[in-house]
Amino acid sequence: MIDILFTGSIAINNFEATADIAKFLVDKVEVVTSTVGTLSAFKLKVEINTVSKILVPSLNNWLAKYQVPIPQNIAGIFSISDLFLKYNDGYIFAGATPTFMPPAPTMLETSGVALQLEQI
């Protein structure tokens, strides 16, 4: 198989990631050798693409059962929102909006006097 067109994405809903395949097509098939007789490269290409069009929706239903949780809070330093991740034409597009969280104020007690320290 030569020049496979694969388009898919990782759907992210409520910080749960699931895979989704949009398209899987073969552009060319080359038969180098065959031990079962003469094979038509064009016929193989058509059959692979037909099976792909039939199996992709079923495969997506199966993949939807598996969800990967994504943390919203990273090490108490920032939280993330507006996540997206997509694969198309050999590239991965990803994005998120980080919101940095201020450090919590700390209390220091020394000989009955309470001091509040805040980091700026």
PDB file of N, CA and C in Angstrom:
ATOM      1  N   MET A   1       0.848  -1.173   0.000  1.00  0.00           N
ATOM      2  CA  MET A   1       0.000   0.000   0.000  1.00  0.00           C
ATOM      3  C   MET A   1       0.895   1.237   0.000  1.00  0.00           C
ATOM      4  N   ILE A   2       0.563   2.173  -0.861  1.00  0.00           N
ATOM      5  CA  ILE A   2       1.340   3.396  -1.015  1.00  0.00           C
ATOM      6  C   ILE A   2       0.388   4.581  -0.868  1.00  0.00           C
ATOM      7  N   ASP A   3       0.836   5.616  -0.195  1.00  0.00           N
ATOM      8  CA  ASP A   3       0.057   6.846  -0.020  1.00  0.00           C
ATOM      9  C   ASP A   3      -1.297   6.581   0.637  1.00  0.00           C
ATOM     10  N   ILE A   4      -1.254   6.254   1.901  1.00  0.00           N
ATOM     11  CA  ILE A   4      -2.480   6.043   2.670  1.00  0.00           C
ATOM     12  C   ILE A   4      -2.951   7.397   3.187  1.00  0.00           C
ATOM     13  N   LEU A   5      -4.218   7.703   2.959  1.00  0.00           N
ATOM     14  CA  LEU A   5      -4.822   8.934   3.466  1.00  0.00           C
ATOM     15  C   LEU A   5      -5.556   8.580   4.751  1.00  0.00           C
ATOM     16  N   PHE A   6      -5.050   9.079   5.867  1.00  0.00           N
ATOM     17  CA  PHE A   6      -5.670   8.836   7.166  1.00  0.00           C
ATOM     18  C   PHE A   6      -5.998  10.167   7.799  1.00  0.00           C
ATOM     19  N   THR A   7      -7.262  10.338   8.164  1.00  0.00           N
ATOM     20  CA  THR A   7      -7.692  11.542   8.856  1.00  0.00           C
ATOM     21  C   THR A   7      -8.458  11.108  10.091  1.00  0.00           C
ATOM     22  N   GLY A   8      -8.085  11.650  11.205  1.00  0.00           N
ATOM     23  CA  GLY A   8      -8.751  11.308  12.447  1.00  0.00           C
ATOM     24  C   GLY A   8      -8.505  12.383  13.480  1.00  0.00           C
ATOM     25  N   SER A   9      -9.069  12.167  14.633  1.00  0.00           N
ATOM     26  CA  SER A   9      -8.880  13.142  15.701  1.00  0.00           C
ATOM     27  C   SER A   9      -9.035  12.453  17.045  1.00  0.00           C
ATOM     28  N   ILE A  10      -8.630  13.167  18.041  1.00  0.00           N
ATOM     29  CA  ILE A  10      -8.869  12.766  19.414  1.00  0.00           C
ATOM     30  C   ILE A  10      -9.920  13.735  19.932  1.00  0.00           C
ATOM     31  N   ALA A  11     -11.137  13.236  20.113  1.00  0.00           N
ATOM     32  CA  ALA A  11     -12.214  14.091  20.613  1.00  0.00           C
ATOM     33  C   ALA A  11     -12.042  14.257  22.114  1.00  0.00           C
ATOM     34  N   ILE A  12     -12.165  15.487  22.584  1.00  0.00           N
ATOM     35  CA  ILE A  12     -12.033  15.769  24.008  1.00  0.00           C
ATOM     36  C   ILE A  12     -13.331  16.392  24.488  1.00  0.00           C
ATOM     37  N   ASN A  13     -14.033  15.675  25.354  1.00  0.00           N
ATOM     38  CA  ASN A  13     -15.282  16.143  25.940  1.00  0.00           C
ATOM     39  C   ASN A  13     -15.191  15.986  27.449  1.00  0.00           C
ATOM     40  N   ASN A  14     -15.391  17.078  28.171  1.00  0.00           N
ATOM     41  CA  ASN A  14     -15.331  17.059  29.637  1.00  0.00           C
ATOM     42  C   ASN A  14     -14.049  16.413  30.141  1.00  0.00           C
ATOM     43  N   PHE A  15     -12.933  16.745  29.521  1.00  0.00           N
ATOM     44  CA  PHE A  15     -11.605  16.250  29.892  1.00  0.00           C
ATOM     45  C   PHE A  15     -11.501  14.733  29.824  1.00  0.00           C
ATOM     46  N   GLU A  16     -12.240  14.141  28.896  1.00  0.00           N
ATOM     47  CA  GLU A  16     -12.129  12.726  28.557  1.00  0.00           C
ATOM     48  C   GLU A  16     -11.787  12.653  27.078  1.00  0.00           C
ATOM     49  N   ALA A  17     -10.689  11.974  26.726  1.00  0.00           N
ATOM     50  CA  ALA A  17     -10.246  11.880  25.335  1.00  0.00           C
ATOM     51  C   ALA A  17     -10.670  10.543  24.734  1.00  0.00           C
ATOM     52  N   THR A  18     -11.224  10.592  23.533  1.00  0.00           N
ATOM     53  CA  THR A  18     -11.568   9.392  22.776  1.00  0.00           C
ATOM     54  C   THR A  18     -11.090   9.574  21.335  1.00  0.00           C
ATOM     55  N   ALA A  19     -10.732   8.463  20.711  1.00  0.00           N
ATOM     56  CA  ALA A  19     -10.237   8.509  19.336  1.00  0.00           C
ATOM     57  C   ALA A  19     -11.403   8.471  18.350  1.00  0.00           C
ATOM     58  N   ASP A  20     -11.203   9.088  17.208  1.00  0.00           N
ATOM     59  CA  ASP A  20     -12.222   9.113  16.153  1.00  0.00           C
ATOM     60  C   ASP A  20     -11.500   9.080  14.807  1.00  0.00           C
ATOM     61  N   ILE A  21     -11.873   8.130  13.955  1.00  0.00           N
ATOM     62  CA  ILE A  21     -11.281   8.012  12.626  1.00  0.00           C
ATOM     63  C   ILE A  21     -12.275   8.573  11.620  1.00  0.00           C
ATOM     64  N   ALA A  22     -11.862   9.553  10.852  1.00  0.00           N
ATOM     65  CA  ALA A  22     -12.739  10.149   9.849  1.00  0.00           C
ATOM     66  C   ALA A  22     -12.580   9.456   8.495  1.00  0.00           C
ATOM     67  N   LYS A  23     -11.326   9.141   8.142  1.00  0.00           N
ATOM     68  CA  LYS A  23     -11.096   8.587   6.811  1.00  0.00           C
ATOM     69  C   LYS A  23      -9.841   7.726   6.807  1.00  0.00           C
ATOM     70  N   PHE A  24      -9.904   6.599   6.113  1.00  0.00           N
ATOM     71  CA  PHE A  24      -8.740   5.740   5.884  1.00  0.00           C
ATOM     72  C   PHE A  24      -8.862   5.201   4.462  1.00  0.00           C
ATOM     73  N   LEU A  25      -8.079   5.753   3.544  1.00  0.00           N
ATOM     74  CA  LEU A  25      -8.147   5.345   2.144  1.00  0.00           C
ATOM     75  C   LEU A  25      -6.744   5.087   1.610  1.00  0.00           C
ATOM     76  N   VAL A  26      -6.649   4.129   0.710  1.00  0.00           N
ATOM     77  CA  VAL A  26      -5.382   3.790   0.060  1.00  0.00           C
ATOM     78  C   VAL A  26      -5.395   4.383  -1.340  1.00  0.00           C
ATOM     79  N   ASP A  27      -4.324   5.108  -1.691  1.00  0.00           N
ATOM     80  CA  ASP A  27      -4.256   5.723  -3.011  1.00  0.00           C
ATOM     81  C   ASP A  27      -3.709   4.754  -4.049  1.00  0.00           C
ATOM     82  N   LYS A  28      -2.680   3.988  -3.685  1.00  0.00           N
ATOM     83  CA  LYS A  28      -2.059   3.059  -4.629  1.00  0.00           C
ATOM     84  C   LYS A  28      -1.726   1.746  -3.940  1.00  0.00           C
ATOM     85  N   VAL A  29      -1.800   0.677  -4.687  1.00  0.00           N
ATOM     86  CA  VAL A  29      -1.381  -0.640  -4.218  1.00  0.00           C
ATOM     87  C   VAL A  29      -0.415  -1.196  -5.245  1.00  0.00           C
ATOM     88  N   GLU A  30       0.684  -1.735  -4.765  1.00  0.00           N
ATOM     89  CA  GLU A  30       1.669  -2.349  -5.650  1.00  0.00           C
ATOM     90  C   GLU A  30       1.843  -3.800  -5.236  1.00  0.00           C
ATOM     91  N   VAL A  31       1.662  -4.704  -6.191  1.00  0.00           N
ATOM     92  CA  VAL A  31       1.856  -6.129  -5.938  1.00  0.00           C
ATOM     93  C   VAL A  31       3.240  -6.498  -6.463  1.00  0.00           C
ATOM     94  N   VAL A  32       4.164  -6.783  -5.541  1.00  0.00           N
ATOM     95  CA  VAL A  32       5.532  -7.096  -5.933  1.00  0.00           C
ATOM     96  C   VAL A  32       5.626  -8.562  -6.328  1.00  0.00           C
ATOM     97  N   THR A  33       5.173  -9.434  -5.460  1.00  0.00           N
ATOM     98  CA  THR A  33       5.131 -10.873  -5.758  1.00  0.00           C
ATOM     99  C   THR A  33       3.866 -11.460  -5.170  1.00  0.00           C
ATOM    100  N   SER A  34       3.446 -12.559  -5.708  1.00  0.00           N
ATOM    101  CA  SER A  34       2.247 -13.246  -5.216  1.00  0.00           C
ATOM    102  C   SER A  34       2.462 -14.752  -5.299  1.00  0.00           C
ATOM    103  N   THR A  35       2.122 -15.428  -4.228  1.00  0.00           N
ATOM    104  CA  THR A  35       2.210 -16.894  -4.220  1.00  0.00           C
ATOM    105  C   THR A  35       0.843 -17.534  -4.415  1.00  0.00           C
ATOM    106  N   VAL A  36      -0.203 -16.719  -4.591  1.00  0.00           N
ATOM    107  CA  VAL A  36      -1.553 -17.252  -4.772  1.00  0.00           C
ATOM    108  C   VAL A  36      -2.090 -17.004  -6.175  1.00  0.00           C
ATOM    109  N   GLY A  37      -1.262 -16.561  -7.081  1.00  0.00           N
ATOM    110  CA  GLY A  37      -1.709 -16.306  -8.452  1.00  0.00           C
ATOM    111  C   GLY A  37      -1.586 -14.833  -8.795  1.00  0.00           C
ATOM    112  N   THR A  38      -2.234 -14.449  -9.889  1.00  0.00           N
ATOM    113  CA  THR A  38      -2.181 -13.072 -10.355  1.00  0.00           C
ATOM    114  C   THR A  38      -3.163 -12.217  -9.555  1.00  0.00           C
ATOM    115  N   LEU A  39      -2.664 -11.118  -9.006  1.00  0.00           N
ATOM    116  CA  LEU A  39      -3.504 -10.193  -8.249  1.00  0.00           C
ATOM    117  C   LEU A  39      -3.534  -8.851  -8.953  1.00  0.00           C
ATOM    118  N   SER A  40      -4.715  -8.279  -9.031  1.00  0.00           N
ATOM    119  CA  SER A  40      -4.871  -6.945  -9.622  1.00  0.00           C
ATOM    120  C   SER A  40      -4.676  -5.898  -8.534  1.00  0.00           C
ATOM    121  N   ALA A  41      -3.717  -5.017  -8.732  1.00  0.00           N
ATOM    122  CA  ALA A  41      -3.458  -3.958  -7.761  1.00  0.00           C
ATOM    123  C   ALA A  41      -4.664  -3.030  -7.647  1.00  0.00           C
ATOM    124  N   PHE A  42      -5.302  -2.719  -8.766  1.00  0.00           N
ATOM    125  CA  PHE A  42      -6.478  -1.849  -8.750  1.00  0.00           C
ATOM    126  C   PHE A  42      -7.626  -2.497  -7.970  1.00  0.00           C
ATOM    127  N   LYS A  43      -7.849  -3.789  -8.204  1.00  0.00           N
ATOM    128  CA  LYS A  43      -8.931  -4.492  -7.508  1.00  0.00           C
ATOM    129  C   LYS A  43      -8.661  -4.533  -5.997  1.00  0.00           C
ATOM    130  N   LEU A  44      -7.413  -4.764  -5.606  1.00  0.00           N
ATOM    131  CA  LEU A  44      -7.068  -4.757  -4.181  1.00  0.00           C
ATOM    132  C   LEU A  44      -7.326  -3.385  -3.565  1.00  0.00           C
ATOM    133  N   LYS A  45      -6.961  -2.324  -4.282  1.00  0.00           N
ATOM    134  CA  LYS A  45      -7.180  -0.964  -3.793  1.00  0.00           C
ATOM    135  C   LYS A  45      -8.665  -0.704  -3.568  1.00  0.00           C
ATOM    136  N   VAL A  46      -9.494  -1.078  -4.541  1.00  0.00           N
ATOM    137  CA  VAL A  46     -10.939  -0.871  -4.426  1.00  0.00           C
ATOM    138  C   VAL A  46     -11.504  -1.667  -3.255  1.00  0.00           C
ATOM    139  N   GLU A  47     -11.065  -2.912  -3.086  1.00  0.00           N
ATOM    140  CA  GLU A  47     -11.568  -3.748  -1.998  1.00  0.00           C
ATOM    141  C   GLU A  47     -11.140  -3.209  -0.632  1.00  0.00           C
ATOM    142  N   ILE A  48      -9.888  -2.777  -0.516  1.00  0.00           N
ATOM    143  CA  ILE A  48      -9.409  -2.222   0.759  1.00  0.00           C
ATOM    144  C   ILE A  48     -10.188  -0.959   1.108  1.00  0.00           C
ATOM    145  N   ASN A  49     -10.385  -0.080   0.147  1.00  0.00           N
ATOM    146  CA  ASN A  49     -11.112   1.166   0.404  1.00  0.00           C
ATOM    147  C   ASN A  49     -12.583   0.914   0.723  1.00  0.00           C
ATOM    148  N   THR A  50     -13.201  -0.085   0.069  1.00  0.00           N
ATOM    149  CA  THR A  50     -14.602  -0.428   0.356  1.00  0.00           C
ATOM    150  C   THR A  50     -14.739  -0.977   1.770  1.00  0.00           C
ATOM    151  N   VAL A  51     -13.850  -1.885   2.130  1.00  0.00           N
ATOM    152  CA  VAL A  51     -13.880  -2.446   3.487  1.00  0.00           C
ATOM    153  C   VAL A  51     -13.628  -1.355   4.514  1.00  0.00           C
ATOM    154  N   SER A  52     -12.726  -0.441   4.206  1.00  0.00           N
ATOM    155  CA  SER A  52     -12.432   0.659   5.114  1.00  0.00           C
ATOM    156  C   SER A  52     -13.670   1.515   5.361  1.00  0.00           C
ATOM    157  N   LYS A  53     -14.401   1.850   4.298  1.00  0.00           N
ATOM    158  CA  LYS A  53     -15.604   2.678   4.448  1.00  0.00           C
ATOM    159  C   LYS A  53     -16.665   1.983   5.286  1.00  0.00           C
ATOM    160  N   ILE A  54     -16.699   0.654   5.230  1.00  0.00           N
ATOM    161  CA  ILE A  54     -17.679  -0.112   6.011  1.00  0.00           C
ATOM    162  C   ILE A  54     -17.228  -0.246   7.467  1.00  0.00           C
ATOM    163  N   LEU A  55     -15.928  -0.472   7.685  1.00  0.00           N
ATOM    164  CA  LEU A  55     -15.429  -0.742   9.036  1.00  0.00           C
ATOM    165  C   LEU A  55     -15.169   0.504   9.883  1.00  0.00           C
ATOM    166  N   VAL A  56     -14.905   1.641   9.284  1.00  0.00           N
ATOM    167  CA  VAL A  56     -14.572   2.846  10.066  1.00  0.00           C
ATOM    168  C   VAL A  56     -15.673   3.220  11.055  1.00  0.00           C
ATOM    169  N   PRO A  57     -16.963   3.240  10.686  1.00  0.00           N
ATOM    170  CA  PRO A  57     -17.994   3.564  11.690  1.00  0.00           C
ATOM    171  C   PRO A  57     -18.040   2.541  12.838  1.00  0.00           C
ATOM    172  N   SER A  58     -17.887   1.265  12.525  1.00  0.00           N
ATOM    173  CA  SER A  58     -17.881   0.243  13.584  1.00  0.00           C
ATOM    174  C   SER A  58     -16.657   0.400  14.481  1.00  0.00           C
ATOM    175  N   LEU A  59     -15.528   0.699  13.877  1.00  0.00           N
ATOM    176  CA  LEU A  59     -14.307   0.907  14.649  1.00  0.00           C
ATOM    177  C   LEU A  59     -14.440   2.128  15.554  1.00  0.00           C
ATOM    178  N   ASN A  60     -15.087   3.178  15.075  1.00  0.00           N
ATOM    179  CA  ASN A  60     -15.317   4.367  15.903  1.00  0.00           C
ATOM    180  C   ASN A  60     -16.217   4.053  17.093  1.00  0.00           C
ATOM    181  N   ASN A  61     -17.245   3.230  16.887  1.00  0.00           N
ATOM    182  CA  ASN A  61     -18.113   2.821  18.000  1.00  0.00           C
ATOM    183  C   ASN A  61     -17.324   2.041  19.039  1.00  0.00           C
ATOM    184  N   TRP A  62     -16.425   1.185  18.593  1.00  0.00           N
ATOM    185  CA  TRP A  62     -15.604   0.408  19.510  1.00  0.00           C
ATOM    186  C   TRP A  62     -14.620   1.316  20.253  1.00  0.00           C
ATOM    187  N   LEU A  63     -13.992   2.265  19.536  1.00  0.00           N
ATOM    188  CA  LEU A  63     -13.036   3.175  20.159  1.00  0.00           C
ATOM    189  C   LEU A  63     -13.708   4.113  21.159  1.00  0.00           C
ATOM    190  N   ALA A  64     -14.976   4.442  20.952  1.00  0.00           N
ATOM    191  CA  ALA A  64     -15.690   5.356  21.850  1.00  0.00           C
ATOM    192  C   ALA A  64     -15.832   4.778  23.255  1.00  0.00           C
ATOM    193  N   LYS A  65     -15.706   3.472  23.394  1.00  0.00           N
ATOM    194  CA  LYS A  65     -15.812   2.828  24.711  1.00  0.00           C
ATOM    195  C   LYS A  65     -14.599   3.123  25.584  1.00  0.00           C
ATOM    196  N   TYR A  66     -13.506   3.498  24.965  1.00  0.00           N
ATOM    197  CA  TYR A  66     -12.261   3.718  25.697  1.00  0.00           C
ATOM    198  C   TYR A  66     -11.988   5.214  25.811  1.00  0.00           C
ATOM    199  N   GLN A  67     -12.037   5.704  27.029  1.00  0.00           N
ATOM    200  CA  GLN A  67     -11.816   7.127  27.284  1.00  0.00           C
ATOM    201  C   GLN A  67     -10.608   7.297  28.192  1.00  0.00           C
ATOM    202  N   VAL A  68      -9.793   8.274  27.869  1.00  0.00           N
ATOM    203  CA  VAL A  68      -8.595   8.567  28.655  1.00  0.00           C
ATOM    204  C   VAL A  68      -8.830   9.885  29.385  1.00  0.00           C
ATOM    205  N   PRO A  69      -8.766   9.874  30.722  1.00  0.00           N
ATOM    206  CA  PRO A  69      -8.976  11.125  31.455  1.00  0.00           C
ATOM    207  C   PRO A  69      -7.780  12.065  31.299  1.00  0.00           C
ATOM    208  N   ILE A  70      -8.074  13.352  31.191  1.00  0.00           N
ATOM    209  CA  ILE A  70      -7.049  14.381  31.071  1.00  0.00           C
ATOM    210  C   ILE A  70      -7.147  15.265  32.313  1.00  0.00           C
ATOM    211  N   PRO A  71      -6.041  15.459  33.020  1.00  0.00           N
ATOM    212  CA  PRO A  71      -6.117  16.286  34.234  1.00  0.00           C
ATOM    213  C   PRO A  71      -6.411  17.753  33.906  1.00  0.00           C
ATOM    214  N   GLN A  72      -7.232  18.379  34.751  1.00  0.00           N
ATOM    215  CA  GLN A  72      -7.560  19.788  34.563  1.00  0.00           C
ATOM    216  C   GLN A  72      -6.583  20.687  35.301  1.00  0.00           C
ATOM    217  N   ASN A  73      -5.978  20.173  36.348  1.00  0.00           N
ATOM    218  CA  ASN A  73      -5.081  20.954  37.175  1.00  0.00           C
ATOM    219  C   ASN A  73      -3.699  20.319  37.087  1.00  0.00           C
ATOM    220  N   ILE A  74      -2.725  21.063  36.615  1.00  0.00           N
ATOM    221  CA  ILE A  74      -1.370  20.547  36.442  1.00  0.00           C
ATOM    222  C   ILE A  74      -0.503  21.035  37.600  1.00  0.00           C
ATOM    223  N   ALA A  75      -0.172  20.132  38.491  1.00  0.00           N
ATOM    224  CA  ALA A  75       0.750  20.372  39.605  1.00  0.00           C
ATOM    225  C   ALA A  75       0.391  21.593  40.449  1.00  0.00           C
ATOM    226  N   GLY A  76      -0.868  21.990  40.469  1.00  0.00           N
ATOM    227  CA  GLY A  76      -1.268  23.143  41.257  1.00  0.00           C
ATOM    228  C   GLY A  76      -0.739  24.473  40.728  1.00  0.00           C
ATOM    229  N   ILE A  77      -0.119  24.440  39.558  1.00  0.00           N
ATOM    230  CA  ILE A  77       0.463  25.661  38.986  1.00  0.00           C
ATOM    231  C   ILE A  77      -0.517  26.337  38.034  1.00  0.00           C
ATOM    232  N   PHE A  78      -1.187  25.546  37.198  1.00  0.00           N
ATOM    233  CA  PHE A  78      -2.164  26.118  36.281  1.00  0.00           C
ATOM    234  C   PHE A  78      -3.250  25.093  35.966  1.00  0.00           C
ATOM    235  N   SER A  79      -4.385  25.610  35.544  1.00  0.00           N
ATOM    236  CA  SER A  79      -5.479  24.755  35.078  1.00  0.00           C
ATOM    237  C   SER A  79      -5.600  24.964  33.573  1.00  0.00           C
ATOM    238  N   ILE A  80      -6.114  23.952  32.895  1.00  0.00           N
ATOM    239  CA  ILE A  80      -6.251  24.058  31.440  1.00  0.00           C
ATOM    240  C   ILE A  80      -7.719  23.964  31.038  1.00  0.00           C
ATOM    241  N   SER A  81      -8.040  24.634  29.942  1.00  0.00           N
ATOM    242  CA  SER A  81      -9.391  24.603  29.379  1.00  0.00           C
ATOM    243  C   SER A  81      -9.279  24.737  27.871  1.00  0.00           C
ATOM    244  N   ASP A  82     -10.393  24.628  27.175  1.00  0.00           N
ATOM    245  CA  ASP A  82     -10.462  24.765  25.714  1.00  0.00           C
ATOM    246  C   ASP A  82      -9.470  23.845  25.003  1.00  0.00           C
ATOM    247  N   LEU A  83      -9.481  22.571  25.363  1.00  0.00           N
ATOM    248  CA  LEU A  83      -8.565  21.609  24.767  1.00  0.00           C
ATOM    249  C   LEU A  83      -9.031  21.161  23.395  1.00  0.00           C
ATOM    250  N   PHE A  84      -8.091  20.965  22.481  1.00  0.00           N
ATOM    251  CA  PHE A  84      -8.402  20.287  21.226  1.00  0.00           C
ATOM    252  C   PHE A  84      -7.153  19.597  20.718  1.00  0.00           C
ATOM    253  N   LEU A  85      -7.371  18.523  19.979  1.00  0.00           N
ATOM    254  CA  LEU A  85      -6.286  17.735  19.415  1.00  0.00           C
ATOM    255  C   LEU A  85      -6.813  17.101  18.145  1.00  0.00           C
ATOM    256  N   LYS A  86      -6.090  17.266  17.034  1.00  0.00           N
ATOM    257  CA  LYS A  86      -6.555  16.721  15.760  1.00  0.00           C
ATOM    258  C   LYS A  86      -5.368  16.298  14.916  1.00  0.00           C
ATOM    259  N   TYR A  87      -5.537  15.214  14.191  1.00  0.00           N
ATOM    260  CA  TYR A  87      -4.514  14.726  13.276  1.00  0.00           C
ATOM    261  C   TYR A  87      -5.068  14.823  11.872  1.00  0.00           C
ATOM    262  N   ASN A  88      -4.293  15.427  10.940  1.00  0.00           N
ATOM    263  CA  ASN A  88      -4.758  15.557   9.570  1.00  0.00           C
ATOM    264  C   ASN A  88      -3.548  15.716   8.651  1.00  0.00           C
ATOM    265  N   ASP A  89      -3.492  14.940   7.600  1.00  0.00           N
ATOM    266  CA  ASP A  89      -2.436  15.026   6.589  1.00  0.00           C
ATOM    267  C   ASP A  89      -1.025  14.989   7.188  1.00  0.00           C
ATOM    268  N   GLY A  90      -0.820  14.129   8.157  1.00  0.00           N
ATOM    269  CA  GLY A  90       0.507  13.961   8.731  1.00  0.00           C
ATOM    270  C   GLY A  90       0.895  14.973   9.789  1.00  0.00           C
ATOM    271  N   TYR A  91      -0.033  15.827  10.215  1.00  0.00           N
ATOM    272  CA  TYR A  91       0.261  16.838  11.226  1.00  0.00           C
ATOM    273  C   TYR A  91      -0.689  16.679  12.397  1.00  0.00           C
ATOM    274  N   ILE A  92      -0.207  16.994  13.581  1.00  0.00           N
ATOM    275  CA  ILE A  92      -1.043  17.008  14.772  1.00  0.00           C
ATOM    276  C   ILE A  92      -1.256  18.462  15.173  1.00  0.00           C
ATOM    277  N   PHE A  93      -2.512  18.846  15.284  1.00  0.00           N
ATOM    278  CA  PHE A  93      -2.876  20.184  15.739  1.00  0.00           C
ATOM    279  C   PHE A  93      -3.359  20.051  17.171  1.00  0.00           C
ATOM    280  N   ALA A  94      -2.805  20.816  18.079  1.00  0.00           N
ATOM    281  CA  ALA A  94      -3.196  20.737  19.481  1.00  0.00           C
ATOM    282  C   ALA A  94      -3.249  22.135  20.073  1.00  0.00           C
ATOM    283  N   GLY A  95      -4.109  22.284  21.046  1.00  0.00           N
ATOM    284  CA  GLY A  95      -4.189  23.576  21.714  1.00  0.00           C
ATOM    285  C   GLY A  95      -4.880  23.466  23.053  1.00  0.00           C
ATOM    286  N   ALA A  96      -4.583  24.396  23.911  1.00  0.00           N
ATOM    287  CA  ALA A  96      -5.199  24.478  25.234  1.00  0.00           C
ATOM    288  C   ALA A  96      -5.023  25.899  25.753  1.00  0.00           C
ATOM    289  N   THR A  97      -5.886  26.282  26.665  1.00  0.00           N
ATOM    290  CA  THR A  97      -5.769  27.582  27.308  1.00  0.00           C
ATOM    291  C   THR A  97      -5.335  27.364  28.750  1.00  0.00           C
ATOM    292  N   PRO A  98      -4.080  27.733  29.076  1.00  0.00           N
ATOM    293  CA  PRO A  98      -3.652  27.591  30.472  1.00  0.00           C
ATOM    294  C   PRO A  98      -4.063  28.823  31.287  1.00  0.00           C
ATOM    295  N   THR A  99      -4.518  28.592  32.486  1.00  0.00           N
ATOM    296  CA  THR A  99      -4.830  29.668  33.415  1.00  0.00           C
ATOM    297  C   THR A  99      -3.953  29.452  34.644  1.00  0.00           C
ATOM    298  N   PHE A 100      -2.996  30.343  34.830  1.00  0.00           N
ATOM    299  CA  PHE A 100      -2.074  30.200  35.944  1.00  0.00           C
ATOM    300  C   PHE A 100      -2.781  30.567  37.247  1.00  0.00           C
ATOM    301  N   MET A 101      -2.569  29.741  38.265  1.00  0.00           N
ATOM    302  CA  MET A 101      -3.213  29.935  39.559  1.00  0.00           C
ATOM    303  C   MET A 101      -2.212  30.569  40.515  1.00  0.00           C
ATOM    304  N   PRO A 102      -2.633  31.602  41.243  1.00  0.00           N
ATOM    305  CA  PRO A 102      -1.705  32.215  42.199  1.00  0.00           C
ATOM    306  C   PRO A 102      -1.428  31.247  43.339  1.00  0.00           C
ATOM    307  N   PRO A 103      -0.251  31.323  43.901  1.00  0.00           N
ATOM    308  CA  PRO A 103       0.042  30.447  45.031  1.00  0.00           C
ATOM    309  C   PRO A 103      -0.806  30.824  46.239  1.00  0.00           C
ATOM    310  N   ALA A 104      -1.135  29.830  47.028  1.00  0.00           N
ATOM    311  CA  ALA A 104      -1.943  30.066  48.225  1.00  0.00           C
ATOM    312  C   ALA A 104      -1.110  30.828  49.254  1.00  0.00           C
ATOM    313  N   PRO A 105      -1.721  31.781  49.961  1.00  0.00           N
ATOM    314  CA  PRO A 105      -0.978  32.496  51.004  1.00  0.00           C
ATOM    315  C   PRO A 105      -0.589  31.533  52.127  1.00  0.00           C
ATOM    316  N   THR A 106       0.552  31.767  52.724  1.00  0.00           N
ATOM    317  CA  THR A 106       1.012  30.915  53.813  1.00  0.00           C
ATOM    318  C   THR A 106       1.014  31.699  55.113  1.00  0.00           C
ATOM    319  N   MET A 107       0.771  31.009  56.202  1.00  0.00           N
ATOM    320  CA  MET A 107       0.761  31.625  57.532  1.00  0.00           C
ATOM    321  C   MET A 107       2.017  31.195  58.269  1.00  0.00           C
ATOM    322  N   LEU A 108       2.657  32.108  58.931  1.00  0.00           N
ATOM    323  CA  LEU A 108       3.855  31.829  59.707  1.00  0.00           C
ATOM    324  C   LEU A 108       3.616  32.358  61.118  1.00  0.00           C
ATOM    325  N   GLU A 109       3.695  31.467  62.099  1.00  0.00           N
ATOM    326  CA  GLU A 109       3.481  31.883  63.489  1.00  0.00           C
ATOM    327  C   GLU A 109       4.804  31.878  64.216  1.00  0.00           C
ATOM    328  N   THR A 110       5.098  32.987  64.890  1.00  0.00           N
ATOM    329  CA  THR A 110       6.314  33.098  65.673  1.00  0.00           C
ATOM    330  C   THR A 110       5.965  33.780  66.993  1.00  0.00           C
ATOM    331  N   SER A 111       6.180  33.108  68.069  1.00  0.00           N
ATOM    332  CA  SER A 111       5.955  33.605  69.439  1.00  0.00           C
ATOM    333  C   SER A 111       4.634  34.358  69.583  1.00  0.00           C
ATOM    334  N   GLY A 112       3.542  33.716  69.138  1.00  0.00           N
ATOM    335  CA  GLY A 112       2.220  34.282  69.330  1.00  0.00           C
ATOM    336  C   GLY A 112       1.811  35.331  68.328  1.00  0.00           C
ATOM    337  N   VAL A 113       2.688  35.727  67.401  1.00  0.00           N
ATOM    338  CA  VAL A 113       2.350  36.722  66.390  1.00  0.00           C
ATOM    339  C   VAL A 113       2.166  35.992  65.062  1.00  0.00           C
ATOM    340  N   ALA A 114       1.033  36.189  64.437  1.00  0.00           N
ATOM    341  CA  ALA A 114       0.760  35.529  63.156  1.00  0.00           C
ATOM    342  C   ALA A 114       1.090  36.484  62.017  1.00  0.00           C
ATOM    343  N   LEU A 115       1.874  36.014  61.098  1.00  0.00           N
ATOM    344  CA  LEU A 115       2.233  36.784  59.925  1.00  0.00           C
ATOM    345  C   LEU A 115       1.669  36.098  58.691  1.00  0.00           C
ATOM    346  N   GLN A 116       1.167  36.876  57.780  1.00  0.00           N
ATOM    347  CA  GLN A 116       0.677  36.314  56.517  1.00  0.00           C
ATOM    348  C   GLN A 116       1.642  36.736  55.415  1.00  0.00           C
ATOM    349  N   LEU A 117       2.220  35.721  54.745  1.00  0.00           N
ATOM    350  CA  LEU A 117       3.150  35.995  53.665  1.00  0.00           C
ATOM    351  C   LEU A 117       2.464  35.731  52.342  1.00  0.00           C
ATOM    352  N   GLU A 118       2.589  36.640  51.436  1.00  0.00           N
ATOM    353  CA  GLU A 118       2.034  36.458  50.093  1.00  0.00           C
ATOM    354  C   GLU A 118       3.147  36.653  49.081  1.00  0.00           C
ATOM    355  N   GLN A 119       3.214  35.724  48.145  1.00  0.00           N
ATOM    356  CA  GLN A 119       4.232  35.824  47.109  1.00  0.00           C
ATOM    357  C   GLN A 119       3.669  36.592  45.939  1.00  0.00           C
ATOM    358  N   ILE A 120       4.440  37.527  45.432  1.00  0.00           N
ATOM    359  CA  ILE A 120       3.979  38.356  44.311  1.00  0.00           C
ATOM    360  C   ILE A 120       4.806  38.027  43.094  1.00  0.00           C
TER     361      ILE A 120
END
